[in-house]
Amino acid sequence: ESDMTVMVNAGRLNMTGGHIEDKTDTGYALWVQQDGQA
């Protein structure tokens, strides 16, 4: 399956620091869908 390091599905990501990384070649580091917010 395609990977999503962080999936936001009708929720919220508040990122003030840290590191999100997709180390593959089949997905995304961050996927925001539905009514999600980043």
All heavy atoms as atom14 arrays in JSON, in Angstrom:
{
  "sequence": "ESDMTVMVNAGRLNMTGGHIEDKTDTGYALWVQQDGQA",
  "atom14_mask": [
    [1, 1, 1, 1, 1, 1, 1, 1, 1, 0, 0, 0, 0, 0],
    [1, 1, 1, 1, 1, 1, 0, 0, 0, 0, 0, 0, 0, 0],
    [1, 1, 1, 1, 1, 1, 1, 1, 0, 0, 0, 0, 0, 0],
    [1, 1, 1, 1, 1, 1, 1, 1, 0, 0, 0, 0, 0, 0],
    [1, 1, 1, 1, 1, 1, 1, 0, 0, 0, 0, 0, 0, 0],
    [1, 1, 1, 1, 1, 1, 1, 0, 0, 0, 0, 0, 0, 0],
    [1, 1, 1, 1, 1, 1, 1, 1, 0, 0, 0, 0, 0, 0],
    [1, 1, 1, 1, 1, 1, 1, 0, 0, 0, 0, 0, 0, 0],
    [1, 1, 1, 1, 1, 1, 1, 1, 0, 0, 0, 0, 0, 0],
    [1, 1, 1, 1, 1, 0, 0, 0, 0, 0, 0, 0, 0, 0],
    [1, 1, 1, 1, 0, 0, 0, 0, 0, 0, 0, 0, 0, 0],
    [1, 1, 1, 1, 1, 1, 1, 1, 1, 1, 1, 0, 0, 0],
    [1, 1, 1, 1, 1, 1, 1, 1, 0, 0, 0, 0, 0, 0],
    [1, 1, 1, 1, 1, 1, 1, 1, 0, 0, 0, 0, 0, 0],
    [1, 1, 1, 1, 1, 1, 1, 1, 0, 0, 0, 0, 0, 0],
    [1, 1, 1, 1, 1, 1, 1, 0, 0, 0, 0, 0, 0, 0],
    [1, 1, 1, 1, 0, 0, 0, 0, 0, 0, 0, 0, 0, 0],
    [1, 1, 1, 1, 0, 0, 0, 0, 0, 0, 0, 0, 0, 0],
    [1, 1, 1, 1, 1, 1, 1, 1, 1, 1, 0, 0, 0, 0],
    [1, 1, 1, 1, 1, 1, 1, 1, 0, 0, 0, 0, 0, 0],
    [1, 1, 1, 1, 1, 1, 1, 1, 1, 0, 0, 0, 0, 0],
    [1, 1, 1, 1, 1, 1, 1, 1, 0, 0, 0, 0, 0, 0],
    [1, 1, 1, 1, 1, 1, 1, 1, 1, 0, 0, 0, 0, 0],
    [1, 1, 1, 1, 1, 1, 1, 0, 0, 0, 0, 0, 0, 0],
    [1, 1, 1, 1, 1, 1, 1, 1, 0, 0, 0, 0, 0, 0],
    [1, 1, 1, 1, 1, 1, 1, 0, 0, 0, 0, 0, 0, 0],
    [1, 1, 1, 1, 0, 0, 0, 0, 0, 0, 0, 0, 0, 0],
    [1, 1, 1, 1, 1, 1, 1, 1, 1, 1, 1, 1, 0, 0],
    [1, 1, 1, 1, 1, 0, 0, 0, 0, 0, 0, 0, 0, 0],
    [1, 1, 1, 1, 1, 1, 1, 1, 0, 0, 0, 0, 0, 0],
    [1, 1, 1, 1, 1, 1, 1, 1, 1, 1, 1, 1, 1, 1],
    [1, 1, 1, 1, 1, 1, 1, 0, 0, 0, 0, 0, 0, 0],
    [1, 1, 1, 1, 1, 1, 1, 1, 1, 0, 0, 0, 0, 0],
    [1, 1, 1, 1, 1, 1, 1, 1, 1, 0, 0, 0, 0, 0],
    [1, 1, 1, 1, 1, 1, 1, 1, 0, 0, 0, 0, 0, 0],
    [1, 1, 1, 1, 0, 0, 0, 0, 0, 0, 0, 0, 0, 0],
    [1, 1, 1, 1, 1, 1, 1, 1, 1, 0, 0, 0, 0, 0],
    [1, 1, 1, 1, 1, 0, 0, 0, 0, 0, 0, 0, 0, 0]
  ],
  "atom14_positions": [
    [[0.82, -1.2, 0.0], [0.0, 0.0, 0.0], [0.86, 1.26, 0.0], [1.96, 1.29, 0.54], [-0.91, 0.05, 1.24], [-2.01, -0.99, 1.24], [-1.59, -2.27, 1.93], [-0.37, -2.52, 2.0], [-2.47, -3.01, 2.39], [0.0, 0.0, 0.0], [0.0, 0.0, 0.0], [0.0, 0.0, 0.0], [0.0, 0.0, 0.0], [0.0, 0.0, 0.0]],
    [[0.34, 2.31, -0.63], [1.01, 3.6, -0.56], [0.98, 4.09, 0.88], [-0.03, 3.96, 1.57], [0.32, 4.62, -1.47], [0.44, 4.24, -2.81], [0.0, 0.0, 0.0], [0.0, 0.0, 0.0], [0.0, 0.0, 0.0], [0.0, 0.0, 0.0], [0.0, 0.0, 0.0], [0.0, 0.0, 0.0], [0.0, 0.0, 0.0], [0.0, 0.0, 0.0]],
    [[2.07, 4.64, 1.34], [2.13, 5.06, 2.73], [1.92, 6.56, 2.85], [2.2, 7.32, 1.93], [3.48, 4.68, 3.35], [4.63, 5.32, 2.6], [5.01, 4.78, 1.56], [5.12, 6.38, 3.04], [0.0, 0.0, 0.0], [0.0, 0.0, 0.0], [0.0, 0.0, 0.0], [0.0, 0.0, 0.0], [0.0, 0.0, 0.0], [0.0, 0.0, 0.0]],
    [[1.4, 6.98, 3.99], [1.22, 8.38, 4.34], [1.77, 8.56, 5.75], [1.21, 8.01, 6.69], [-0.26, 8.78, 4.3], [-0.95, 8.45, 2.99], [-0.31, 9.41, 1.61], [-0.98, 8.48, 0.22], [0.0, 0.0, 0.0], [0.0, 0.0, 0.0], [0.0, 0.0, 0.0], [0.0, 0.0, 0.0], [0.0, 0.0, 0.0], [0.0, 0.0, 0.0]],
    [[2.86, 9.27, 5.89], [3.5, 9.36, 7.2], [2.54, 9.94, 8.23], [2.38, 9.41, 9.32], [4.78, 10.21, 7.12], [5.61, 9.68, 6.08], [5.54, 10.18, 8.43], [0.0, 0.0, 0.0], [0.0, 0.0, 0.0], [0.0, 0.0, 0.0], [0.0, 0.0, 0.0], [0.0, 0.0, 0.0], [0.0, 0.0, 0.0], [0.0, 0.0, 0.0]],
    [[1.88, 11.04, 7.88], [0.82, 11.6, 8.72], [-0.42, 11.77, 7.87], [-0.39, 12.45, 6.84], [1.22, 12.95, 9.35], [0.04, 13.56, 10.1], [2.42, 12.78, 10.29], [0.0, 0.0, 0.0], [0.0, 0.0, 0.0], [0.0, 0.0, 0.0], [0.0, 0.0, 0.0], [0.0, 0.0, 0.0], [0.0, 0.0, 0.0], [0.0, 0.0, 0.0]],
    [[-1.5, 11.13, 8.26], [-2.79, 11.25, 7.59], [-3.72, 12.09, 8.44], [-3.92, 11.79, 9.63], [-3.41, 9.87, 7.38], [-4.89, 9.9, 7.01], [-5.17, 10.48, 5.33], [-4.89, 8.96, 4.42], [0.0, 0.0, 0.0], [0.0, 0.0, 0.0], [0.0, 0.0, 0.0], [0.0, 0.0, 0.0], [0.0, 0.0, 0.0], [0.0, 0.0, 0.0]],
    [[-4.25, 13.17, 7.87], [-5.2, 14.02, 8.58], [-6.54, 13.89, 7.88], [-6.73, 14.39, 6.77], [-4.74, 15.5, 8.61], [-5.74, 16.33, 9.42], [-3.34, 15.62, 9.2], [0.0, 0.0, 0.0], [0.0, 0.0, 0.0], [0.0, 0.0, 0.0], [0.0, 0.0, 0.0], [0.0, 0.0, 0.0], [0.0, 0.0, 0.0], [0.0, 0.0, 0.0]],
    [[-7.47, 13.21, 8.52], [-8.77, 12.91, 7.92], [-9.86, 13.54, 8.8], [-10.22, 12.99, 9.84], [-8.93, 11.39, 7.83], [-10.28, 10.99, 7.26], [-11.07, 11.82, 6.85], [-10.55, 9.7, 7.26], [0.0, 0.0, 0.0], [0.0, 0.0, 0.0], [0.0, 0.0, 0.0], [0.0, 0.0, 0.0], [0.0, 0.0, 0.0], [0.0, 0.0, 0.0]],
    [[-10.35, 14.69, 8.38], [-11.4, 15.38, 9.14], [-10.92, 15.72, 10.55], [-11.68, 15.72, 11.5], [-12.68, 14.57, 9.2], [0.0, 0.0, 0.0], [0.0, 0.0, 0.0], [0.0, 0.0, 0.0], [0.0, 0.0, 0.0], [0.0, 0.0, 0.0], [0.0, 0.0, 0.0], [0.0, 0.0, 0.0], [0.0, 0.0, 0.0], [0.0, 0.0, 0.0]],
    [[-9.66, 16.02, 10.68], [-9.09, 16.46, 11.94], [-8.11, 17.59, 11.69], [-8.21, 18.29, 10.67], [0.0, 0.0, 0.0], [0.0, 0.0, 0.0], [0.0, 0.0, 0.0], [0.0, 0.0, 0.0], [0.0, 0.0, 0.0], [0.0, 0.0, 0.0], [0.0, 0.0, 0.0], [0.0, 0.0, 0.0], [0.0, 0.0, 0.0], [0.0, 0.0, 0.0]],
    [[-7.15, 17.77, 12.59], [-6.23, 18.91, 12.44], [-4.82, 18.54, 12.9], [-4.64, 17.89, 13.92], [-6.74, 20.1, 13.25], [-5.95, 21.38, 13.05], [-6.68, 22.57, 13.66], [-6.63, 22.58, 15.11], [-7.64, 22.28, 15.9], [-8.81, 21.95, 15.36], [-7.52, 22.31, 17.22], [0.0, 0.0, 0.0], [0.0, 0.0, 0.0], [0.0, 0.0, 0.0]],
    [[-3.85, 18.97, 12.11], [-2.45, 18.88, 12.51], [-1.95, 20.29, 12.78], [-2.05, 21.17, 11.93], [-1.61, 18.25, 11.39], [-0.08, 18.42, 11.53], [0.44, 17.59, 12.7], [0.63, 18.03, 10.23], [0.0, 0.0, 0.0], [0.0, 0.0, 0.0], [0.0, 0.0, 0.0], [0.0, 0.0, 0.0], [0.0, 0.0, 0.0], [0.0, 0.0, 0.0]],
    [[-1.41, 20.5, 13.98], [-0.73, 21.74, 14.31], [0.75, 21.41, 14.49], [1.13, 20.75, 15.47], [-1.29, 22.35, 15.6], [-2.75, 22.75, 15.46], [-3.17, 23.27, 14.42], [-3.53, 22.52, 16.5], [0.0, 0.0, 0.0], [0.0, 0.0, 0.0], [0.0, 0.0, 0.0], [0.0, 0.0, 0.0], [0.0, 0.0, 0.0], [0.0, 0.0, 0.0]],
    [[1.56, 21.82, 13.55], [2.97, 21.47, 13.58], [3.79, 22.72, 13.85], [3.89, 23.62, 13.01], [3.39, 20.83, 12.26], [4.82, 20.36, 12.21], [5.2, 19.52, 10.64], [6.9, 19.04, 10.94], [0.0, 0.0, 0.0], [0.0, 0.0, 0.0], [0.0, 0.0, 0.0], [0.0, 0.0, 0.0], [0.0, 0.0, 0.0], [0.0, 0.0, 0.0]],
    [[4.39, 22.78, 15.04], [5.23, 23.92, 15.4], [6.71, 23.53, 15.44], [7.57, 24.39, 15.6], [4.82, 24.48, 16.78], [4.9, 23.41, 17.75], [3.4, 25.02, 16.74], [0.0, 0.0, 0.0], [0.0, 0.0, 0.0], [0.0, 0.0, 0.0], [0.0, 0.0, 0.0], [0.0, 0.0, 0.0], [0.0, 0.0, 0.0], [0.0, 0.0, 0.0]],
    [[6.99, 22.27, 15.32], [8.36, 21.77, 15.31], [8.36, 20.3, 14.95], [7.33, 19.72, 14.62], [0.0, 0.0, 0.0], [0.0, 0.0, 0.0], [0.0, 0.0, 0.0], [0.0, 0.0, 0.0], [0.0, 0.0, 0.0], [0.0, 0.0, 0.0], [0.0, 0.0, 0.0], [0.0, 0.0, 0.0], [0.0, 0.0, 0.0], [0.0, 0.0, 0.0]],
    [[9.52, 19.69, 15.03], [9.6, 18.27, 14.73], [9.87, 18.0, 13.26], [10.18, 18.91, 12.47], [0.0, 0.0, 0.0], [0.0, 0.0, 0.0], [0.0, 0.0, 0.0], [0.0, 0.0, 0.0], [0.0, 0.0, 0.0], [0.0, 0.0, 0.0], [0.0, 0.0, 0.0], [0.0, 0.0, 0.0], [0.0, 0.0, 0.0], [0.0, 0.0, 0.0]],
    [[9.73, 16.74, 12.88], [10.15, 16.29, 11.55], [9.18, 15.21, 11.09], [8.96, 14.22, 11.8], [11.57, 15.75, 11.63], [12.17, 15.36, 10.32], [12.91, 16.23, 9.55], [12.16, 14.19, 9.66], [13.34, 15.61, 8.46], [12.89, 14.36, 8.5], [0.0, 0.0, 0.0], [0.0, 0.0, 0.0], [0.0, 0.0, 0.0], [0.0, 0.0, 0.0]],
    [[8.59, 15.38, 9.9], [7.73, 14.37, 9.27], [8.41, 13.97, 7.97], [8.72, 14.83, 7.14], [6.33, 14.92, 8.97], [5.61, 15.31, 10.27], [5.5, 13.89, 8.2], [4.28, 16.01, 10.03], [0.0, 0.0, 0.0], [0.0, 0.0, 0.0], [0.0, 0.0, 0.0], [0.0, 0.0, 0.0], [0.0, 0.0, 0.0], [0.0, 0.0, 0.0]],
    [[8.64, 12.67, 7.8], [9.37, 12.25, 6.59], [8.85, 10.92, 6.06], [8.66, 9.96, 6.8], [10.86, 12.12, 6.88], [11.68, 11.75, 5.65], [13.17, 11.81, 5.86], [13.6, 12.25, 6.97], [13.91, 11.46, 4.94], [0.0, 0.0, 0.0], [0.0, 0.0, 0.0], [0.0, 0.0, 0.0], [0.0, 0.0, 0.0], [0.0, 0.0, 0.0]],
    [[8.63, 10.9, 4.73], [8.33, 9.66, 4.03], [9.63, 9.18, 3.39], [10.21, 9.86, 2.54], [7.27, 9.9, 2.96], [7.11, 8.69, 2.04], [7.14, 7.56, 2.56], [6.98, 8.89, 0.82], [0.0, 0.0, 0.0], [0.0, 0.0, 0.0], [0.0, 0.0, 0.0], [0.0, 0.0, 0.0], [0.0, 0.0, 0.0], [0.0, 0.0, 0.0]],
    [[10.11, 8.0, 3.81], [11.37, 7.48, 3.31], [11.17, 6.47, 2.18], [12.09, 5.73, 1.83], [12.16, 6.82, 4.45], [12.69, 7.81, 5.48], [13.45, 7.08, 6.58], [14.12, 8.05, 7.54], [15.25, 8.74, 6.91], [0.0, 0.0, 0.0], [0.0, 0.0, 0.0], [0.0, 0.0, 0.0], [0.0, 0.0, 0.0], [0.0, 0.0, 0.0]],
    [[9.96, 6.42, 1.61], [9.68, 5.49, 0.53], [9.5, 6.26, -0.77], [9.59, 7.48, -0.81], [8.41, 4.69, 0.82], [7.26, 5.54, 0.56], [8.34, 4.24, 2.27], [0.0, 0.0, 0.0], [0.0, 0.0, 0.0], [0.0, 0.0, 0.0], [0.0, 0.0, 0.0], [0.0, 0.0, 0.0], [0.0, 0.0, 0.0], [0.0, 0.0, 0.0]],
    [[9.18, 5.55, -1.83], [8.9, 6.2, -3.1], [7.47, 5.95, -3.55], [7.15, 6.04, -4.73], [9.89, 5.73, -4.18], [9.86, 4.21, -4.38], [9.06, 3.54, -3.69], [10.63, 3.71, -5.22], [0.0, 0.0, 0.0], [0.0, 0.0, 0.0], [0.0, 0.0, 0.0], [0.0, 0.0, 0.0], [0.0, 0.0, 0.0], [0.0, 0.0, 0.0]],
    [[6.59, 5.63, -2.59], [5.22, 5.27, -2.96], [4.16, 6.1, -2.25], [2.98, 5.82, -2.39], [4.95, 3.78, -2.62], [5.15, 3.58, -1.22], [5.87, 2.87, -3.41], [0.0, 0.0, 0.0], [0.0, 0.0, 0.0], [0.0, 0.0, 0.0], [0.0, 0.0, 0.0], [0.0, 0.0, 0.0], [0.0, 0.0, 0.0], [0.0, 0.0, 0.0]],
    [[4.55, 7.09, -1.47], [3.54, 7.82, -0.71], [3.92, 9.26, -0.48], [4.75, 9.83, -1.18], [0.0, 0.0, 0.0], [0.0, 0.0, 0.0], [0.0, 0.0, 0.0], [0.0, 0.0, 0.0], [0.0, 0.0, 0.0], [0.0, 0.0, 0.0], [0.0, 0.0, 0.0], [0.0, 0.0, 0.0], [0.0, 0.0, 0.0], [0.0, 0.0, 0.0]],
    [[3.28, 9.86, 0.52], [3.49, 11.26, 0.87], [3.83, 11.38, 2.35], [3.42, 10.56, 3.17], [2.22, 12.07, 0.58], [1.95, 12.27, -0.88], [1.29, 11.29, -1.63], [2.35, 13.43, -1.53], [1.04, 11.46, -2.98], [2.09, 13.62, -2.88], [1.45, 12.64, -3.6], [1.21, 12.81, -4.93], [0.0, 0.0, 0.0], [0.0, 0.0, 0.0]],
    [[4.57, 12.43, 2.66], [4.87, 12.69, 4.07], [3.61, 13.13, 4.81], [3.4, 12.76, 5.97], [5.96, 13.75, 4.18], [0.0, 0.0, 0.0], [0.0, 0.0, 0.0], [0.0, 0.0, 0.0], [0.0, 0.0, 0.0], [0.0, 0.0, 0.0], [0.0, 0.0, 0.0], [0.0, 0.0, 0.0], [0.0, 0.0, 0.0], [0.0, 0.0, 0.0]],
    [[2.75, 13.88, 4.16], [1.53, 14.4, 4.79], [0.39, 14.36, 3.8], [0.5, 14.88, 2.68], [1.76, 15.84, 5.26], [0.54, 16.62, 5.79], [-0.07, 15.93, 7.0], [0.94, 18.05, 6.12], [0.0, 0.0, 0.0], [0.0, 0.0, 0.0], [0.0, 0.0, 0.0], [0.0, 0.0, 0.0], [0.0, 0.0, 0.0], [0.0, 0.0, 0.0]],
    [[-0.71, 13.75, 4.2], [-1.93, 13.71, 3.37], [-3.04, 14.34, 4.19], [-3.38, 13.88, 5.28], [-2.28, 12.28, 3.0], [-3.46, 12.18, 2.03], [-4.11, 13.2, 1.41], [-4.08, 10.97, 1.57], [-5.11, 12.72, 0.59], [-5.12, 11.36, 0.67], [-3.87, 9.62, 1.82], [-5.93, 10.43, 0.03], [-4.68, 8.7, 1.18], [-5.7, 9.1, 0.29]],
    [[-3.62, 15.4, 3.66], [-4.74, 16.09, 4.29], [-5.97, 15.84, 3.43], [-6.0, 16.21, 2.26], [-4.48, 17.61, 4.42], [-5.6, 18.28, 5.21], [-3.13, 17.88, 5.08], [0.0, 0.0, 0.0], [0.0, 0.0, 0.0], [0.0, 0.0, 0.0], [0.0, 0.0, 0.0], [0.0, 0.0, 0.0], [0.0, 0.0, 0.0], [0.0, 0.0, 0.0]],
    [[-7.0, 15.23, 4.01], [-8.18, 14.89, 3.21], [-9.47, 15.19, 3.97], [-9.45, 15.61, 5.12], [-8.13, 13.42, 2.79], [-8.25, 12.43, 3.92], [-8.46, 11.01, 3.41], [-8.49, 10.76, 2.21], [-8.62, 10.07, 4.32], [0.0, 0.0, 0.0], [0.0, 0.0, 0.0], [0.0, 0.0, 0.0], [0.0, 0.0, 0.0], [0.0, 0.0, 0.0]],
    [[-10.59, 14.94, 3.29], [-11.92, 15.25, 3.84], [-11.97, 16.7, 4.3], [-11.69, 17.59, 3.53], [-12.26, 14.26, 4.97], [-12.28, 12.81, 4.53], [-13.36, 12.49, 3.51], [-14.41, 13.12, 3.49], [-13.12, 11.53, 2.65], [0.0, 0.0, 0.0], [0.0, 0.0, 0.0], [0.0, 0.0, 0.0], [0.0, 0.0, 0.0], [0.0, 0.0, 0.0]],
    [[-12.31, 16.94, 5.57], [-12.32, 18.3, 6.12], [-11.1, 18.53, 7.0], [-11.14, 19.29, 7.96], [-13.6, 18.53, 6.95], [-14.81, 18.78, 6.06], [-14.63, 19.39, 4.99], [-15.9, 18.34, 6.42], [0.0, 0.0, 0.0], [0.0, 0.0, 0.0], [0.0, 0.0, 0.0], [0.0, 0.0, 0.0], [0.0, 0.0, 0.0], [0.0, 0.0, 0.0]],
    [[-10.0, 17.88, 6.67], [-8.79, 18.0, 7.47], [-8.09, 19.34, 7.26], [-8.25, 20.0, 6.23], [0.0, 0.0, 0.0], [0.0, 0.0, 0.0], [0.0, 0.0, 0.0], [0.0, 0.0, 0.0], [0.0, 0.0, 0.0], [0.0, 0.0, 0.0], [0.0, 0.0, 0.0], [0.0, 0.0, 0.0], [0.0, 0.0, 0.0], [0.0, 0.0, 0.0]],
    [[-7.3, 19.72, 8.26], [-6.52, 20.95, 8.19], [-5.12, 20.67, 8.7], [-4.93, 19.92, 9.65], [-7.14, 22.05, 9.05], [-8.51, 22.51, 8.59], [-9.07, 23.6, 9.5], [-8.68, 23.69, 10.66], [-9.97, 24.4, 8.97], [0.0, 0.0, 0.0], [0.0, 0.0, 0.0], [0.0, 0.0, 0.0], [0.0, 0.0, 0.0], [0.0, 0.0, 0.0]],
    [[-4.15, 21.31, 8.08], [-2.77, 21.24, 8.54], [-2.25, 22.65, 8.7], [-2.29, 23.44, 7.75], [-1.9, 20.45, 7.56], [0.0, 0.0, 0.0], [0.0, 0.0, 0.0], [0.0, 0.0, 0.0], [0.0, 0.0, 0.0], [0.0, 0.0, 0.0], [0.0, 0.0, 0.0], [0.0, 0.0, 0.0], [0.0, 0.0, 0.0], [0.0, 0.0, 0.0]]
  ]
}
